[in-house]
């Protein structure tokens, strides 16, 4: 089996083509039928962090029943899955959670870039239940149900390495910044735990930076509707290139069942140009704190006018937000529409995953999206859109990660999702720091370093 990456970085020909070719190679290898006898090398993404565990039924609402477990005093034997090690001394029924869809999207696009660069079979672990809402290629990447499962088990017995690129363990950062990933780690199975967009680390890697840079694709022209070209704030057009947008569009696709429902919804409710807005928290709860309803309405009215649109698509978990925003915009002649029932909790069922994925897809079709700083849902919505995004309010709980507050109703300077822990990488690891010096001329890297 040929485990070498393309010799010429130009062979990548954009993320869409590179991923298509990589998945074709995976399918061909699986179809050979002797993969257990000659197991290939695997990159298995386990979306999530290192230490979070949930009480029984905690997956129904990650906000209330999950907690940070104490690290085990001793690790399990070599090759033992980290999840098994984490749950070893926990009460019966305790589980490892599935993160929100936004965080899974961040880590999946990053893992796909690593798999392409390292010529490893890409699989996605612990995502089978929410994976039912997705079509190809996610459905074929689900480790537990994939035809690769026997070969993965066989390869794991020959050697498995754990890597962490999450907010509570950065230990894989140094490898991603410096190693030739075609030969390192040497283990047949490299399992990466992550809830971050760690792809920018590859732009610091001397072995893979040119190849990954070549996978970026040009974005379509800005759709801001007010004559802007992005200008540092449109996120589209003007010769801008993106790794995140083509990667997300290639991977983050609804199932045929859900896609048919979305087409019916678009035909009935979104026939005309529209602006999307994501409201992460309850507007009523935040009225006296970070995000006031009046600020959201004011920004929406300005961006609707700029886009010559009158319809708003609202993505939110809170039914009260739907009523409040619709009531506030009705006097101005604006229509607010939403998809399905308000979920109220994360990961509660397949219908909840359907609803979240539908909101992402419908936001991605907007002429412009309004998002709050630091929201992973916002990164996905803007990435799928590839057009202008506007920051408004302060509806995220992790503002310390996104730096000084940008002015309300200001344009986001990039479509790339922020890698919040890049400063940790360059501060802690010499290889990352040296790579950042080399990458300072890379527009793609600089875009990835923008916090929003």
Protein backbone atom coordinates (compact mmCIF):
# COMPACT_ATOMS: atom_id res chain seq x y z
CA UNK A 1 0.00 0.00 0.00
CA UNK A 2 1.29 3.44 -0.93
CA UNK A 3 1.33 5.58 2.22
CA UNK A 4 3.12 8.54 0.67
CA UNK A 5 1.52 11.96 0.40
CA UNK A 6 1.50 13.78 -2.96
CA UNK A 7 5.06 14.73 -3.88
CA UNK A 8 4.07 18.06 -5.36
CA UNK A 9 2.09 20.43 -3.10
CA UNK A 10 0.19 21.61 -6.17
CA UNK A 11 -1.25 18.11 -6.48
CA UNK A 12 -3.57 18.97 -3.58
CA UNK A 13 -5.56 21.15 -6.05
CA UNK A 14 -7.77 22.57 -3.32
CA UNK A 15 -9.31 20.97 -0.28
CA UNK A 16 -12.40 19.72 -2.12
CA UNK A 17 -10.37 17.81 -4.72
CA UNK A 18 -7.80 16.64 -2.16
CA UNK A 19 -10.48 15.22 0.14
CA UNK A 20 -12.31 13.59 -2.77
CA UNK A 21 -9.09 11.88 -3.86
CA UNK A 22 -8.25 10.84 -0.30
CA UNK A 23 -11.66 9.26 0.24
CA UNK A 24 -11.42 7.53 -3.15
CA UNK A 25 -8.11 6.06 -1.98
CA UNK A 26 -9.70 4.95 1.31
CA UNK A 27 -12.54 3.22 -0.51
CA UNK A 28 -10.16 1.50 -2.91
CA UNK A 29 -8.03 0.22 -0.04
CA UNK A 30 -11.09 -1.11 1.76
CA UNK A 31 -12.38 -2.77 -1.39
CA UNK A 32 -9.14 -4.75 -1.78
CA UNK A 33 -10.41 -7.08 0.94
CA UNK A 34 -7.07 -7.84 2.63
CA UNK A 35 -6.89 -4.84 4.94
CA UNK A 36 -6.84 -7.02 8.06
CA UNK A 37 -3.82 -8.90 6.75
CA UNK A 38 -2.09 -5.66 5.82
CA UNK A 39 -3.71 -3.00 8.02
CA UNK A 40 -3.16 0.56 6.85
CA UNK A 41 -2.42 3.51 9.08
CA UNK A 42 -5.38 5.32 10.66
CA UNK A 43 -6.17 8.77 11.96
CA UNK A 44 -9.15 8.36 14.30
CA UNK A 45 -10.76 11.58 15.47
CA UNK A 46 -12.42 11.31 18.86
CA UNK A 47 -14.21 14.69 19.05
CA UNK A 48 -14.12 16.19 22.53
CA UNK A 49 -11.67 17.01 25.27
CA UNK A 50 -9.59 14.87 27.60
CA UNK A 51 -11.25 14.94 31.00
CA UNK A 52 -14.99 15.70 30.71
CA UNK A 53 -17.35 12.92 31.78
CA UNK A 54 -21.13 12.79 32.21
CA UNK A 55 -23.43 11.24 34.76
CA UNK A 56 -26.02 8.73 33.51
CA UNK A 57 -28.23 10.34 30.86
CA UNK A 58 -25.93 13.36 30.85
CA UNK A 59 -25.77 13.42 27.07
CA UNK A 60 -29.34 14.72 27.09
CA UNK A 61 -28.13 18.06 28.39
CA UNK A 62 -24.38 18.65 28.43
CA UNK A 63 -24.74 21.84 30.44
CA UNK A 64 -26.11 20.28 33.61
CA UNK A 65 -24.80 16.78 34.17
CA UNK A 66 -21.21 16.83 32.90
CA UNK A 67 -18.12 17.64 34.91
CA UNK A 68 -14.35 17.65 34.78
CA UNK A 69 -13.03 14.37 36.17
CA UNK A 70 -9.74 14.06 38.01
CA UNK A 71 -7.06 12.55 35.76
CA UNK A 72 -6.41 8.87 36.54
CA UNK A 73 -3.47 8.37 38.89
CA UNK A 74 -2.06 5.82 36.46
CA UNK A 75 -2.69 5.46 32.77
CA UNK A 76 -4.02 2.22 31.39
CA UNK A 77 -1.77 -0.36 29.75
CA UNK A 78 -0.24 0.58 26.40
CA UNK A 79 -2.86 0.60 23.69
CA UNK A 80 -5.85 0.89 26.07
CA UNK A 81 -8.37 3.43 24.83
CA UNK A 82 -8.22 6.67 26.82
CA UNK A 83 -11.99 6.68 27.29
CA UNK A 84 -11.76 3.30 29.02
CA UNK A 85 -9.00 4.67 31.23
CA UNK A 86 -11.07 7.75 32.10
CA UNK A 87 -14.17 5.74 32.97
CA UNK A 88 -12.35 3.04 34.90
CA UNK A 89 -13.04 4.47 38.37
CA UNK A 90 -16.25 6.34 37.57
CA UNK A 91 -19.75 5.34 38.75
CA UNK A 92 -21.64 2.87 36.59
CA UNK A 93 -23.32 4.53 33.63
CA UNK A 94 -20.95 7.49 33.50
CA UNK A 95 -20.11 8.32 29.90
CA UNK A 96 -17.84 10.43 27.74
CA UNK A 97 -19.94 13.14 26.06
CA UNK A 98 -20.28 14.08 22.43
CA UNK A 99 -19.47 17.79 22.06
CA UNK A 100 -21.71 20.25 20.28
CA UNK A 101 -21.87 20.06 16.50
CA UNK A 102 -19.83 23.22 16.10
CA UNK A 103 -16.87 21.77 17.97
CA UNK A 104 -17.13 18.50 16.04
CA UNK A 105 -17.04 20.46 12.78
CA UNK A 106 -13.93 22.35 13.89
CA UNK A 107 -11.99 19.23 14.75
CA UNK A 108 -13.26 17.16 11.81
CA UNK A 109 -12.10 19.63 9.14
CA UNK A 110 -8.74 19.87 10.91
CA UNK A 111 -8.44 16.09 11.17
CA UNK A 112 -9.28 15.70 7.48
CA UNK A 113 -6.42 18.02 6.57
CA UNK A 114 -4.06 15.97 8.78
CA UNK A 115 -5.30 12.69 7.27
CA UNK A 116 -4.65 13.97 3.75
CA UNK A 117 -1.17 15.21 4.67
CA UNK A 118 -0.24 12.02 6.54
CA UNK A 119 -1.93 9.56 4.14
CA UNK A 120 -3.91 7.90 6.92
CA UNK A 121 -7.40 6.46 6.74
CA UNK A 122 -9.70 9.02 8.38
CA UNK A 123 -12.37 7.76 10.79
CA UNK A 124 -14.68 9.57 13.21
CA UNK A 125 -15.31 7.92 16.57
CA UNK A 126 -18.15 8.25 19.11
CA UNK A 127 -20.39 10.06 16.66
CA UNK A 128 -22.67 7.26 15.52
CA UNK A 129 -25.92 8.57 17.04
CA UNK A 130 -25.63 12.19 15.83
CA UNK A 131 -24.05 10.88 12.63
CA UNK A 132 -27.48 9.63 11.56
CA UNK A 133 -28.33 13.23 10.63
CA UNK A 134 -25.47 13.37 8.12
CA UNK A 135 -24.97 12.05 4.63
CA UNK A 136 -21.73 11.19 2.85
CA UNK A 137 -18.91 11.50 3.57
CA UNK A 138 -19.49 11.66 7.35
CA UNK A 139 -21.67 8.54 7.34
CA UNK A 140 -18.88 6.46 5.80
CA UNK A 141 -16.34 7.79 8.32
CA UNK A 142 -18.18 6.57 11.44
CA UNK A 143 -15.67 4.19 13.02
CA UNK A 144 -18.13 1.92 14.79
CA UNK A 145 -20.24 1.17 11.70
CA UNK A 146 -17.58 1.50 9.01
CA UNK A 147 -16.29 -1.42 7.01
CA UNK A 148 -12.93 -0.44 8.42
CA UNK A 149 -13.90 -1.53 11.96
CA UNK A 150 -12.20 -4.97 11.83
CA UNK A 151 -9.04 -3.55 10.28
CA UNK A 152 -8.98 -0.74 12.85
CA UNK A 153 -9.19 -3.28 15.67
CA UNK A 154 -6.38 -5.30 14.09
CA UNK A 155 -4.22 -2.22 13.58
CA UNK A 156 -4.84 -1.11 17.18
CA UNK A 157 -3.31 -4.36 18.42
CA UNK A 158 -0.17 -3.54 16.43
CA UNK A 159 0.15 -0.15 18.08
CA UNK A 160 -1.94 2.91 18.92
CA UNK A 161 -0.91 6.41 19.93
CA UNK A 162 -3.04 9.02 21.67
CA UNK A 163 -2.84 12.68 20.75
CA UNK A 164 -4.64 15.56 22.43
CA UNK A 165 -5.40 18.87 20.70
CA UNK A 166 -8.12 20.03 23.06
CA UNK A 167 -8.57 22.89 25.46
CA UNK A 168 -7.42 20.78 28.42
CA UNK A 169 -4.42 19.05 26.83
CA UNK A 170 -2.21 20.55 24.10
CA UNK A 171 0.32 17.72 23.90
CA UNK A 172 -0.26 16.98 20.19
CA UNK A 173 0.54 20.57 19.23
CA UNK A 174 4.32 20.00 19.05
CA UNK A 175 3.92 16.99 16.74
CA UNK A 176 1.49 18.84 14.48
CA UNK A 177 3.87 21.79 14.25
CA UNK A 178 7.05 19.91 13.46
CA UNK A 179 6.84 16.19 12.58
CA UNK A 180 6.69 14.58 9.16
CA UNK A 181 3.24 13.13 9.71
CA UNK A 182 3.77 10.55 6.98
CA UNK A 183 6.07 8.69 9.38
CA UNK A 184 5.27 10.16 12.82
CA UNK A 185 3.66 8.89 14.98
CA UNK A 186 4.92 5.46 14.00
CA UNK A 187 1.88 3.71 15.48
CA UNK A 188 -0.63 2.25 13.04
CA UNK A 189 -3.46 4.04 14.84
CA UNK A 190 -3.18 7.66 15.85
CA UNK A 191 -6.24 8.67 17.84
CA UNK A 192 -6.67 12.42 18.25
CA UNK A 193 -9.00 13.96 20.84
CA UNK A 194 -9.97 17.49 19.89
CA UNK A 195 -12.69 20.11 20.11
CA UNK A 196 -10.61 22.77 18.35
CA UNK A 197 -9.78 23.97 14.86
CA UNK A 198 -6.15 22.86 15.00
CA UNK A 199 -5.53 22.93 11.22
CA UNK A 200 -3.49 26.19 11.50
CA UNK A 201 -0.74 24.20 13.21
CA UNK A 202 -0.09 22.46 9.88
CA UNK A 203 0.77 25.84 8.40
CA UNK A 204 3.65 25.96 10.89
CA UNK A 205 4.92 22.51 9.92
CA UNK A 206 7.92 22.58 7.54
CA UNK A 207 6.95 19.21 6.03
CA UNK A 208 3.33 20.01 5.24
CA UNK A 209 2.81 23.79 5.21
CA UNK A 210 3.07 24.18 1.42
CA UNK A 211 0.71 21.27 0.77
CA UNK A 212 -1.91 22.57 3.21
CA UNK A 213 -1.55 26.14 1.95
CA UNK A 214 -2.25 24.83 -1.56
CA UNK A 215 -5.49 23.26 -0.37
CA UNK A 216 -7.01 26.68 0.36
CA UNK A 217 -9.59 27.76 -2.21
CA UNK A 218 -10.72 31.16 -3.42
CA UNK A 219 -13.99 32.42 -1.99
CA UNK A 220 -16.78 33.77 -4.13
CA UNK A 221 -17.38 37.51 -4.23
CA UNK A 222 -18.82 39.25 -1.22
CA UNK A 223 -22.58 39.19 -0.81
CA UNK A 224 -22.74 42.00 1.69
CA UNK A 225 -25.15 43.97 -0.48
CA UNK A 226 -23.71 47.35 0.44
CA UNK A 227 -20.85 47.60 -1.99
CA UNK A 228 -18.28 46.19 0.42
CA UNK A 229 -15.79 43.59 -0.83
CA UNK A 230 -15.00 42.28 2.62
CA UNK A 231 -12.29 44.92 2.94
CA UNK A 232 -10.87 43.25 6.00
CA UNK A 233 -14.40 42.73 7.12
CA UNK A 234 -16.37 40.86 4.50
CA UNK A 235 -14.89 37.41 4.72
CA UNK A 236 -15.55 36.91 1.01
CA UNK A 237 -14.23 38.05 -2.38
CA UNK A 238 -11.21 40.25 -2.95
CA UNK A 239 -8.95 37.28 -3.76
CA UNK A 240 -9.41 35.82 -0.30
CA UNK A 241 -8.67 32.13 0.14
CA UNK A 242 -10.02 29.73 2.73
CA UNK A 243 -9.28 26.26 4.03
CA UNK A 244 -12.21 26.16 6.45
CA UNK A 245 -15.01 26.95 3.99
CA UNK A 246 -14.22 24.29 1.35
CA UNK A 247 -13.38 21.75 4.03
CA UNK A 248 -16.63 22.34 5.86
CA UNK A 249 -18.73 22.33 2.70
CA UNK A 250 -17.17 19.03 1.61
CA UNK A 251 -17.79 17.30 4.94
CA UNK A 252 -20.77 18.90 6.69
CA UNK A 253 -23.63 17.60 4.55
CA UNK A 254 -27.11 16.63 5.78
CA UNK A 255 -28.57 13.21 5.11
CA UNK A 256 -30.82 12.78 2.07
CA UNK A 257 -33.80 12.62 4.43
CA UNK A 258 -32.93 15.94 6.08
CA UNK A 259 -31.88 17.56 2.82
CA UNK A 260 -35.31 16.86 1.35
CA UNK A 261 -36.96 18.49 4.36
CA UNK A 262 -34.72 21.54 4.02
CA UNK A 263 -35.61 21.95 0.36
CA UNK A 264 -39.30 21.98 1.24
CA UNK A 265 -38.64 24.54 3.97
CA UNK A 266 -36.65 26.80 1.64
CA UNK A 267 -39.38 26.63 -1.00
CA UNK A 268 -42.04 27.57 1.54
CA UNK A 269 -40.24 30.10 3.76
CA UNK A 270 -36.99 31.28 2.18
CA UNK A 271 -37.74 31.98 -1.45
CA UNK A 272 -36.22 35.46 -1.27
CA UNK A 273 -32.86 36.82 -0.17
CA UNK A 274 -32.47 36.65 3.61
CA UNK A 275 -30.13 37.42 6.49
CA UNK A 276 -29.40 34.85 9.19
CA UNK A 277 -28.78 35.44 12.89
CA UNK A 278 -27.68 33.01 15.60
CA UNK A 279 -28.74 33.84 19.14
CA UNK A 280 -26.82 31.55 21.46
CA UNK A 281 -28.33 32.47 24.81
CA UNK A 282 -31.68 33.62 26.12
CA UNK A 283 -32.18 37.27 25.21
CA UNK A 284 -34.33 37.72 28.28
CA UNK A 285 -31.65 36.33 30.61
CA UNK A 286 -29.01 38.55 29.03
CA UNK A 287 -31.08 41.72 28.89
CA UNK A 288 -29.14 43.31 31.75
CA UNK A 289 -25.83 41.56 31.01
CA UNK A 290 -24.10 41.18 27.65
CA UNK A 291 -26.57 41.04 24.83
CA UNK A 292 -29.66 43.23 24.77
CA UNK A 293 -32.55 42.59 22.40
CA UNK A 294 -32.42 46.20 21.25
CA UNK A 295 -28.83 45.82 20.08
CA UNK A 296 -29.64 42.71 18.08
CA UNK A 297 -32.65 44.39 16.46
CA UNK A 298 -30.70 47.53 15.59
CA UNK A 299 -27.90 45.56 13.94
CA UNK A 300 -30.34 43.31 12.11
CA UNK A 301 -32.22 46.26 10.68
CA UNK A 302 -28.97 47.81 9.41
CA UNK A 303 -27.79 44.59 7.76
CA UNK A 304 -31.19 43.83 6.25
CA UNK A 305 -31.13 47.25 4.60
CA UNK A 306 -27.57 46.71 3.37
CA UNK A 307 -28.63 43.42 1.78
CA UNK A 308 -31.94 44.73 0.40
CA UNK A 309 -33.67 41.94 2.32
CA UNK A 310 -36.69 41.78 4.59
CA UNK A 311 -36.54 38.19 5.87
CA UNK A 312 -34.55 36.97 8.87
CA UNK A 313 -33.71 33.34 9.50
CA UNK A 314 -33.23 32.83 13.24
CA UNK A 315 -31.18 29.97 14.68
CA UNK A 316 -31.59 29.59 18.43
CA UNK A 317 -32.21 26.92 21.07
CA UNK A 318 -34.65 29.14 22.96
CA UNK A 319 -38.30 29.45 21.93
CA UNK A 320 -38.62 32.73 23.86
CA UNK A 321 -36.01 34.28 21.54
CA UNK A 322 -38.20 33.44 18.56
CA UNK A 323 -41.18 35.26 20.00
CA UNK A 324 -39.14 38.25 21.18
CA UNK A 325 -37.29 38.84 17.92
CA UNK A 326 -40.36 38.34 15.73
CA UNK A 327 -42.34 40.78 17.84
CA UNK A 328 -39.55 43.38 17.83
CA UNK A 329 -39.05 43.30 14.03
CA UNK A 330 -42.68 43.05 12.96
CA UNK A 331 -43.35 46.83 13.19
CA UNK A 332 -40.55 47.43 10.69
CA UNK A 333 -42.02 45.03 8.14
CA UNK A 334 -39.46 42.29 8.66
CA UNK A 335 -40.39 38.63 8.76
CA UNK A 336 -38.61 36.22 11.15
CA UNK A 337 -38.65 32.52 10.30
CA UNK A 338 -37.14 29.47 11.98
CA UNK A 339 -36.90 25.76 11.43
CA UNK A 340 -38.76 23.17 13.52
CA UNK A 341 -39.24 23.20 17.26
CA UNK A 342 -36.82 24.93 19.61
CA UNK A 343 -34.50 22.28 21.01
CA UNK A 344 -33.76 23.89 24.41
CA UNK A 345 -31.09 21.24 25.18
CA UNK A 346 -28.17 19.83 23.24
CA UNK A 347 -27.81 16.29 21.88
CA UNK A 348 -31.11 15.16 23.35
CA UNK A 349 -32.18 13.06 20.35
CA UNK A 350 -31.78 12.60 16.63
CA UNK A 351 -34.39 15.31 16.11
CA UNK A 352 -32.23 17.68 18.16
CA UNK A 353 -29.22 16.94 15.97
CA UNK A 354 -31.40 17.32 12.88
CA UNK A 355 -32.52 20.72 14.16
CA UNK A 356 -28.99 21.95 14.88
CA UNK A 357 -27.65 20.75 11.52
CA UNK A 358 -30.66 22.24 9.72
CA UNK A 359 -30.04 25.61 11.39
CA UNK A 360 -26.40 25.48 10.29
CA UNK A 361 -27.31 24.62 6.71
CA UNK A 362 -30.00 27.29 6.46
CA UNK A 363 -27.73 29.92 8.01
CA UNK A 364 -25.15 28.93 5.42
CA UNK A 365 -27.56 29.91 2.65
CA UNK A 366 -28.03 33.45 3.95
CA UNK A 367 -26.70 36.50 2.15
CA UNK A 368 -25.07 37.47 5.43
CA UNK A 369 -24.93 35.97 8.91
CA UNK A 370 -24.95 37.73 12.28
CA UNK A 371 -22.98 35.85 14.92
CA UNK A 372 -21.65 36.39 18.42
CA UNK A 373 -17.97 36.40 19.24
CA UNK A 374 -16.39 33.03 19.97
CA UNK A 375 -19.44 30.94 19.05
CA UNK A 376 -18.53 27.71 17.29
CA UNK A 377 -21.99 27.62 15.72
CA UNK A 378 -21.16 31.01 14.22
CA UNK A 379 -17.91 29.68 12.75
CA UNK A 380 -19.88 26.90 11.03
CA UNK A 381 -22.60 29.23 9.74
CA UNK A 382 -20.07 31.68 8.32
CA UNK A 383 -17.93 28.88 6.93
CA UNK A 384 -20.83 27.30 5.06
CA UNK A 385 -21.85 30.71 3.76
CA UNK A 386 -18.39 31.92 2.76
CA UNK A 387 -19.84 35.43 2.71
CA UNK A 388 -19.85 38.39 5.04
CA UNK A 389 -20.42 37.80 8.74
CA UNK A 390 -21.24 40.51 11.26
CA UNK A 391 -20.48 40.38 14.96
CA UNK A 392 -23.12 41.65 17.34
CA UNK A 393 -23.64 41.68 21.07
CA UNK A 394 -21.76 39.56 23.57
CA UNK A 395 -23.56 36.28 23.86
CA UNK A 396 -20.67 33.91 24.44
CA UNK A 397 -19.43 32.74 27.80
CA UNK A 398 -15.78 32.43 26.75
CA UNK A 399 -15.02 36.04 25.93
CA UNK A 400 -11.59 35.72 27.52
CA UNK A 401 -10.67 33.55 24.53
CA UNK A 402 -11.61 36.09 21.89
CA UNK A 403 -9.81 39.17 23.18
CA UNK A 404 -11.09 42.75 23.31
CA UNK A 405 -14.68 43.19 22.32
CA UNK A 406 -15.17 44.26 18.72
CA UNK A 407 -17.62 47.09 18.08
CA UNK A 408 -21.19 45.91 17.80
CA UNK A 409 -22.40 45.30 14.26
CA UNK A 410 -18.85 45.17 12.86
CA UNK A 411 -17.78 42.82 10.08
CA UNK A 412 -15.66 39.75 10.78
CA UNK A 413 -12.27 39.95 9.10
CA UNK A 414 -12.02 36.33 7.98
CA UNK A 415 -14.05 33.23 7.21
CA UNK A 416 -11.47 31.06 8.96
CA UNK A 417 -12.51 29.67 12.32
CA UNK A 418 -10.32 30.98 15.14
CA UNK A 419 -7.76 28.60 16.67
CA UNK A 420 -8.08 29.98 20.19
CA UNK A 421 -5.06 28.12 21.54
CA UNK A 422 -2.48 29.22 18.98
CA UNK A 423 -0.78 31.49 21.57
CA UNK A 424 -0.44 28.47 23.86
CA UNK A 425 1.21 26.52 21.04
CA UNK A 426 3.73 29.22 20.17
CA UNK A 427 4.49 29.96 23.82
CA UNK A 428 4.93 26.35 24.93
CA UNK A 429 6.57 24.67 21.95
CA UNK A 430 9.72 25.82 20.19
CA UNK A 431 8.71 24.08 16.95
CA UNK A 432 5.42 25.99 16.83
CA UNK A 433 7.16 29.25 17.61
CA UNK A 434 9.71 28.71 14.83
CA UNK A 435 6.94 27.74 12.45
CA UNK A 436 5.04 30.93 13.22
CA UNK A 437 8.09 32.96 12.18
CA UNK A 438 8.20 31.12 8.85
CA UNK A 439 4.44 31.48 8.36
CA UNK A 440 4.21 35.21 9.02
CA UNK A 441 3.85 35.86 5.28
CA UNK A 442 0.99 33.39 4.93
CA UNK A 443 -2.35 35.15 4.54
CA UNK A 444 -4.11 31.89 5.40
CA UNK A 445 -2.21 31.55 8.65
CA UNK A 446 -2.79 35.18 9.58
CA UNK A 447 -6.50 34.73 8.91
CA UNK A 448 -6.56 31.64 11.11
CA UNK A 449 -5.00 33.64 13.93
CA UNK A 450 -7.78 36.27 13.95
CA UNK A 451 -9.96 35.91 17.05
CA UNK A 452 -13.66 36.56 16.61
